[in-house]
Amino acid sequence: MANKVRERREQLGKTQDWLAERVGISRRYVIKIEKDQVNPSVALAKKIASSLGRFVEEIFVWWNI
């Protein structure tokens, strides 16, 4: 999965701490998501996208392998 979490968060001028608090995860987990080291659940992906003011499809791209 690829994502635009960091790009969008930075466009909004928000910190990783802000996003982590907003969606109820640790800052370390935000870092892992931004580096594509982990894939968030669908529910978490929706929370992240909503917090960033976008639809989940605009932030996360899932590929069928």
PDB file of N, CA and C in Angstrom:
ATOM      1  N   MET A   1       0.845  -1.169   0.000  1.00  0.00           N
ATOM      2  CA  MET A   1       0.000   0.000   0.000  1.00  0.00           C
ATOM      3  C   MET A   1       0.891   1.234   0.000  1.00  0.00           C
ATOM      4  N   ALA A   2       0.527   2.200  -0.756  1.00  0.00           N
ATOM      5  CA  ALA A   2       1.209   3.490  -0.754  1.00  0.00           C
ATOM      6  C   ALA A   2       0.280   4.508  -0.102  1.00  0.00           C
ATOM      7  N   ASN A   3       0.863   5.564   0.426  1.00  0.00           N
ATOM      8  CA  ASN A   3      -0.006   6.569   1.033  1.00  0.00           C
ATOM      9  C   ASN A   3       0.585   7.963   0.892  1.00  0.00           C
ATOM     10  N   LYS A   4      -0.278   8.933   1.111  1.00  0.00           N
ATOM     11  CA  LYS A   4       0.108  10.341   1.035  1.00  0.00           C
ATOM     12  C   LYS A   4      -0.114  11.018   2.385  1.00  0.00           C
ATOM     13  N   VAL A   5       0.021  10.251   3.457  1.00  0.00           N
ATOM     14  CA  VAL A   5      -0.241  10.790   4.794  1.00  0.00           C
ATOM     15  C   VAL A   5       0.710  11.948   5.104  1.00  0.00           C
ATOM     16  N   ARG A   6       1.998  11.706   4.953  1.00  0.00           N
ATOM     17  CA  ARG A   6       2.970  12.749   5.283  1.00  0.00           C
ATOM     18  C   ARG A   6       2.779  13.987   4.411  1.00  0.00           C
ATOM     19  N   GLU A   7       2.614  13.759   3.121  1.00  0.00           N
ATOM     20  CA  GLU A   7       2.437  14.879   2.189  1.00  0.00           C
ATOM     21  C   GLU A   7       1.257  15.750   2.597  1.00  0.00           C
ATOM     22  N   ARG A   8       0.117  15.126   2.856  1.00  0.00           N
ATOM     23  CA  ARG A   8      -1.093  15.877   3.213  1.00  0.00           C
ATOM     24  C   ARG A   8      -0.951  16.529   4.591  1.00  0.00           C
ATOM     25  N   ARG A   9      -0.380  15.813   5.552  1.00  0.00           N
ATOM     26  CA  ARG A   9      -0.191  16.358   6.889  1.00  0.00           C
ATOM     27  C   ARG A   9       0.675  17.612   6.833  1.00  0.00           C
ATOM     28  N   GLU A  10       1.742  17.549   6.061  1.00  0.00           N
ATOM     29  CA  GLU A  10       2.630  18.704   5.929  1.00  0.00           C
ATOM     30  C   GLU A  10       1.951  19.861   5.192  1.00  0.00           C
ATOM     31  N   GLN A  11       1.103  19.558   4.205  1.00  0.00           N
ATOM     32  CA  GLN A  11       0.347  20.611   3.518  1.00  0.00           C
ATOM     33  C   GLN A  11      -0.514  21.387   4.506  1.00  0.00           C
ATOM     34  N   LEU A  12      -1.044  20.662   5.487  1.00  0.00           N
ATOM     35  CA  LEU A  12      -1.916  21.284   6.493  1.00  0.00           C
ATOM     36  C   LEU A  12      -1.125  21.958   7.612  1.00  0.00           C
ATOM     37  N   GLY A  13       0.191  21.752   7.619  1.00  0.00           N
ATOM     38  CA  GLY A  13       1.020  22.338   8.670  1.00  0.00           C
ATOM     39  C   GLY A  13       0.843  21.658  10.014  1.00  0.00           C
ATOM     40  N   LYS A  14       0.487  20.391   9.996  1.00  0.00           N
ATOM     41  CA  LYS A  14       0.243  19.636  11.232  1.00  0.00           C
ATOM     42  C   LYS A  14       1.426  18.733  11.552  1.00  0.00           C
ATOM     43  N   THR A  15       1.570  18.383  12.817  1.00  0.00           N
ATOM     44  CA  THR A  15       2.652  17.518  13.257  1.00  0.00           C
ATOM     45  C   THR A  15       2.197  16.066  13.343  1.00  0.00           C
ATOM     46  N   GLN A  16       3.167  15.184  13.445  1.00  0.00           N
ATOM     47  CA  GLN A  16       2.861  13.773  13.653  1.00  0.00           C
ATOM     48  C   GLN A  16       2.147  13.589  14.984  1.00  0.00           C
ATOM     49  N   ASP A  17       2.544  14.354  15.989  1.00  0.00           N
ATOM     50  CA  ASP A  17       1.869  14.287  17.295  1.00  0.00           C
ATOM     51  C   ASP A  17       0.398  14.669  17.175  1.00  0.00           C
ATOM     52  N   TRP A  18       0.116  15.700  16.404  1.00  0.00           N
ATOM     53  CA  TRP A  18      -1.274  16.134  16.205  1.00  0.00           C
ATOM     54  C   TRP A  18      -2.100  15.005  15.601  1.00  0.00           C
ATOM     55  N   LEU A  19      -1.577  14.392  14.540  1.00  0.00           N
ATOM     56  CA  LEU A  19      -2.316  13.314  13.876  1.00  0.00           C
ATOM     57  C   LEU A  19      -2.487  12.121  14.799  1.00  0.00           C
ATOM     58  N   ALA A  20      -1.431  11.764  15.505  1.00  0.00           N
ATOM     59  CA  ALA A  20      -1.494  10.624  16.425  1.00  0.00           C
ATOM     60  C   ALA A  20      -2.579  10.829  17.480  1.00  0.00           C
ATOM     61  N   GLU A  21      -2.596  12.009  18.074  1.00  0.00           N
ATOM     62  CA  GLU A  21      -3.600  12.305  19.099  1.00  0.00           C
ATOM     63  C   GLU A  21      -5.001  12.303  18.516  1.00  0.00           C
ATOM     64  N   ARG A  22      -5.114  12.861  17.336  1.00  0.00           N
ATOM     65  CA  ARG A  22      -6.427  12.982  16.687  1.00  0.00           C
ATOM     66  C   ARG A  22      -7.060  11.621  16.382  1.00  0.00           C
ATOM     67  N   VAL A  23      -6.242  10.645  15.979  1.00  0.00           N
ATOM     68  CA  VAL A  23      -6.792   9.338  15.595  1.00  0.00           C
ATOM     69  C   VAL A  23      -6.585   8.256  16.649  1.00  0.00           C
ATOM     70  N   GLY A  24      -5.913   8.597  17.749  1.00  0.00           N
ATOM     71  CA  GLY A  24      -5.782   7.664  18.854  1.00  0.00           C
ATOM     72  C   GLY A  24      -4.698   6.604  18.695  1.00  0.00           C
ATOM     73  N   ILE A  25      -3.579   6.994  18.102  1.00  0.00           N
ATOM     74  CA  ILE A  25      -2.446   6.077  17.962  1.00  0.00           C
ATOM     75  C   ILE A  25      -1.183   6.785  18.440  1.00  0.00           C
ATOM     76  N   SER A  26      -0.079   6.056  18.515  1.00  0.00           N
ATOM     77  CA  SER A  26       1.174   6.669  18.941  1.00  0.00           C
ATOM     78  C   SER A  26       1.844   7.390  17.768  1.00  0.00           C
ATOM     79  N   ARG A  27       2.709   8.335  18.116  1.00  0.00           N
ATOM     80  CA  ARG A  27       3.484   9.036  17.090  1.00  0.00           C
ATOM     81  C   ARG A  27       4.360   8.051  16.332  1.00  0.00           C
ATOM     82  N   ARG A  28       4.899   7.067  17.023  1.00  0.00           N
ATOM     83  CA  ARG A  28       5.726   6.049  16.356  1.00  0.00           C
ATOM     84  C   ARG A  28       4.931   5.303  15.285  1.00  0.00           C
ATOM     85  N   TYR A  29       3.663   5.034  15.575  1.00  0.00           N
ATOM     86  CA  TYR A  29       2.838   4.333  14.595  1.00  0.00           C
ATOM     87  C   TYR A  29       2.574   5.232  13.385  1.00  0.00           C
ATOM     88  N   VAL A  30       2.387   6.525  13.621  1.00  0.00           N
ATOM     89  CA  VAL A  30       2.227   7.474  12.509  1.00  0.00           C
ATOM     90  C   VAL A  30       3.476   7.424  11.629  1.00  0.00           C
ATOM     91  N   ILE A  31       4.643   7.443  12.241  1.00  0.00           N
ATOM     92  CA  ILE A  31       5.895   7.383  11.487  1.00  0.00           C
ATOM     93  C   ILE A  31       5.942   6.126  10.634  1.00  0.00           C
ATOM     94  N   LYS A  32       5.571   4.988  11.212  1.00  0.00           N
ATOM     95  CA  LYS A  32       5.592   3.727  10.473  1.00  0.00           C
ATOM     96  C   LYS A  32       4.608   3.754   9.303  1.00  0.00           C
ATOM     97  N   ILE A  33       3.450   4.345   9.510  1.00  0.00           N
ATOM     98  CA  ILE A  33       2.466   4.457   8.424  1.00  0.00           C
ATOM     99  C   ILE A  33       3.039   5.338   7.308  1.00  0.00           C
ATOM    100  N   GLU A  34       3.600   6.487   7.681  1.00  0.00           N
ATOM    101  CA  GLU A  34       4.144   7.401   6.683  1.00  0.00           C
ATOM    102  C   GLU A  34       5.292   6.780   5.890  1.00  0.00           C
ATOM    103  N   LYS A  35       6.049   5.884   6.495  1.00  0.00           N
ATOM    104  CA  LYS A  35       7.162   5.224   5.817  1.00  0.00           C
ATOM    105  C   LYS A  35       6.734   3.923   5.127  1.00  0.00           C
ATOM    106  N   ASP A  36       5.447   3.639   5.094  1.00  0.00           N
ATOM    107  CA  ASP A  36       4.910   2.415   4.484  1.00  0.00           C
ATOM    108  C   ASP A  36       5.481   1.148   5.124  1.00  0.00           C
ATOM    109  N   GLN A  37       5.762   1.213   6.414  1.00  0.00           N
ATOM    110  CA  GLN A  37       6.268   0.048   7.134  1.00  0.00           C
ATOM    111  C   GLN A  37       5.146  -0.802   7.703  1.00  0.00           C
ATOM    112  N   VAL A  38       3.973  -0.202   7.878  1.00  0.00           N
ATOM    113  CA  VAL A  38       2.792  -0.917   8.357  1.00  0.00           C
ATOM    114  C   VAL A  38       1.581  -0.467   7.548  1.00  0.00           C
ATOM    115  N   ASN A  39       0.592  -1.306   7.499  1.00  0.00           N
ATOM    116  CA  ASN A  39      -0.670  -0.972   6.847  1.00  0.00           C
ATOM    117  C   ASN A  39      -1.743  -0.813   7.912  1.00  0.00           C
ATOM    118  N   PRO A  40      -2.350   0.364   8.006  1.00  0.00           N
ATOM    119  CA  PRO A  40      -3.401   0.547   9.005  1.00  0.00           C
ATOM    120  C   PRO A  40      -4.656  -0.243   8.617  1.00  0.00           C
ATOM    121  N   SER A  41      -5.455  -0.528   9.618  1.00  0.00           N
ATOM    122  CA  SER A  41      -6.746  -1.157   9.345  1.00  0.00           C
ATOM    123  C   SER A  41      -7.593  -0.202   8.514  1.00  0.00           C
ATOM    124  N   VAL A  42      -8.633  -0.717   7.928  1.00  0.00           N
ATOM    125  CA  VAL A  42      -9.523   0.129   7.125  1.00  0.00           C
ATOM    126  C   VAL A  42     -10.136   1.214   8.008  1.00  0.00           C
ATOM    127  N   ALA A  43     -10.542   0.845   9.218  1.00  0.00           N
ATOM    128  CA  ALA A  43     -11.138   1.825  10.126  1.00  0.00           C
ATOM    129  C   ALA A  43     -10.147   2.938  10.460  1.00  0.00           C
ATOM    130  N   LEU A  44      -8.900   2.576  10.737  1.00  0.00           N
ATOM    131  CA  LEU A  44      -7.888   3.580  11.051  1.00  0.00           C
ATOM    132  C   LEU A  44      -7.565   4.429   9.823  1.00  0.00           C
ATOM    133  N   ALA A  45      -7.489   3.803   8.665  1.00  0.00           N
ATOM    134  CA  ALA A  45      -7.229   4.550   7.434  1.00  0.00           C
ATOM    135  C   ALA A  45      -8.319   5.592   7.202  1.00  0.00           C
ATOM    136  N   LYS A  46      -9.559   5.246   7.492  1.00  0.00           N
ATOM    137  CA  LYS A  46     -10.666   6.192   7.343  1.00  0.00           C
ATOM    138  C   LYS A  46     -10.532   7.352   8.319  1.00  0.00           C
ATOM    139  N   LYS A  47     -10.135   7.053   9.570  1.00  0.00           N
ATOM    140  CA  LYS A  47      -9.945   8.111  10.564  1.00  0.00           C
ATOM    141  C   LYS A  47      -8.827   9.060  10.141  1.00  0.00           C
ATOM    142  N   ILE A  48      -7.742   8.487   9.650  1.00  0.00           N
ATOM    143  CA  ILE A  48      -6.610   9.305   9.218  1.00  0.00           C
ATOM    144  C   ILE A  48      -7.025  10.206   8.061  1.00  0.00           C
ATOM    145  N   ALA A  49      -7.654   9.628   7.061  1.00  0.00           N
ATOM    146  CA  ALA A  49      -8.084  10.410   5.897  1.00  0.00           C
ATOM    147  C   ALA A  49      -9.046  11.517   6.306  1.00  0.00           C
ATOM    148  N   SER A  50      -9.995  11.191   7.162  1.00  0.00           N
ATOM    149  CA  SER A  50     -10.956  12.185   7.624  1.00  0.00           C
ATOM    150  C   SER A  50     -10.255  13.312   8.375  1.00  0.00           C
ATOM    151  N   SER A  51      -9.301  12.961   9.221  1.00  0.00           N
ATOM    152  CA  SER A  51      -8.552  13.973   9.967  1.00  0.00           C
ATOM    153  C   SER A  51      -7.757  14.884   9.040  1.00  0.00           C
ATOM    154  N   LEU A  52      -7.362  14.341   7.905  1.00  0.00           N
ATOM    155  CA  LEU A  52      -6.594  15.113   6.933  1.00  0.00           C
ATOM    156  C   LEU A  52      -7.493  15.792   5.893  1.00  0.00           C
ATOM    157  N   GLY A  53      -8.809  15.662   6.066  1.00  0.00           N
ATOM    158  CA  GLY A  53      -9.753  16.356   5.194  1.00  0.00           C
ATOM    159  C   GLY A  53      -9.874  15.768   3.804  1.00  0.00           C
ATOM    160  N   ARG A  54      -9.634  14.476   3.685  1.00  0.00           N
ATOM    161  CA  ARG A  54      -9.702  13.803   2.389  1.00  0.00           C
ATOM    162  C   ARG A  54     -10.455  12.480   2.504  1.00  0.00           C
ATOM    163  N   PHE A  55     -10.855  11.939   1.367  1.00  0.00           N
ATOM    164  CA  PHE A  55     -11.426  10.595   1.330  1.00  0.00           C
ATOM    165  C   PHE A  55     -10.292   9.588   1.449  1.00  0.00           C
ATOM    166  N   VAL A  56     -10.594   8.424   1.975  1.00  0.00           N
ATOM    167  CA  VAL A  56      -9.563   7.407   2.182  1.00  0.00           C
ATOM    168  C   VAL A  56      -8.856   7.043   0.873  1.00  0.00           C
ATOM    169  N   GLU A  57      -9.583   7.038  -0.221  1.00  0.00           N
ATOM    170  CA  GLU A  57      -9.000   6.699  -1.527  1.00  0.00           C
ATOM    171  C   GLU A  57      -8.000   7.748  -2.016  1.00  0.00           C
ATOM    172  N   GLU A  58      -8.092   8.963  -1.492  1.00  0.00           N
ATOM    173  CA  GLU A  58      -7.158  10.014  -1.869  1.00  0.00           C
ATOM    174  C   GLU A  58      -5.844   9.924  -1.087  1.00  0.00           C
ATOM    175  N   ILE A  59      -5.881   9.258   0.051  1.00  0.00           N
ATOM    176  CA  ILE A  59      -4.708   9.161   0.921  1.00  0.00           C
ATOM    177  C   ILE A  59      -4.014   7.814   0.796  1.00  0.00           C
ATOM    178  N   PHE A  60      -4.792   6.748   0.669  1.00  0.00           N
ATOM    179  CA  PHE A  60      -4.237   5.393   0.614  1.00  0.00           C
ATOM    180  C   PHE A  60      -4.556   4.724  -0.718  1.00  0.00           C
ATOM    181  N   VAL A  61      -3.582   3.991  -1.234  1.00  0.00           N
ATOM    182  CA  VAL A  61      -3.772   3.246  -2.488  1.00  0.00           C
ATOM    183  C   VAL A  61      -3.487   1.786  -2.206  1.00  0.00           C
ATOM    184  N   TRP A  62      -4.482   0.946  -2.369  1.00  0.00           N
ATOM    185  CA  TRP A  62      -4.310  -0.490  -2.181  1.00  0.00           C
ATOM    186  C   TRP A  62      -4.162  -1.126  -3.556  1.00  0.00           C
ATOM    187  N   TRP A  63      -3.216  -2.030  -3.665  1.00  0.00           N
ATOM    188  CA  TRP A  63      -3.015  -2.774  -4.915  1.00  0.00           C
ATOM    189  C   TRP A  63      -3.421  -4.214  -4.713  1.00  0.00           C
ATOM    190  N   ASN A  64      -3.963  -4.809  -5.764  1.00  0.00           N
ATOM    191  CA  ASN A  64      -4.228  -6.253  -5.760  1.00  0.00           C
ATOM    192  C   ASN A  64      -3.010  -6.942  -6.324  1.00  0.00           C
ATOM    193  N   ILE A  65      -2.436  -7.808  -5.537  1.00  0.00           N
ATOM    194  CA  ILE A  65      -1.234  -8.514  -5.974  1.00  0.00           C
ATOM    195  C   ILE A  65      -1.570  -9.958  -6.281  1.00  0.00           C
TER     196      ILE A  65
END
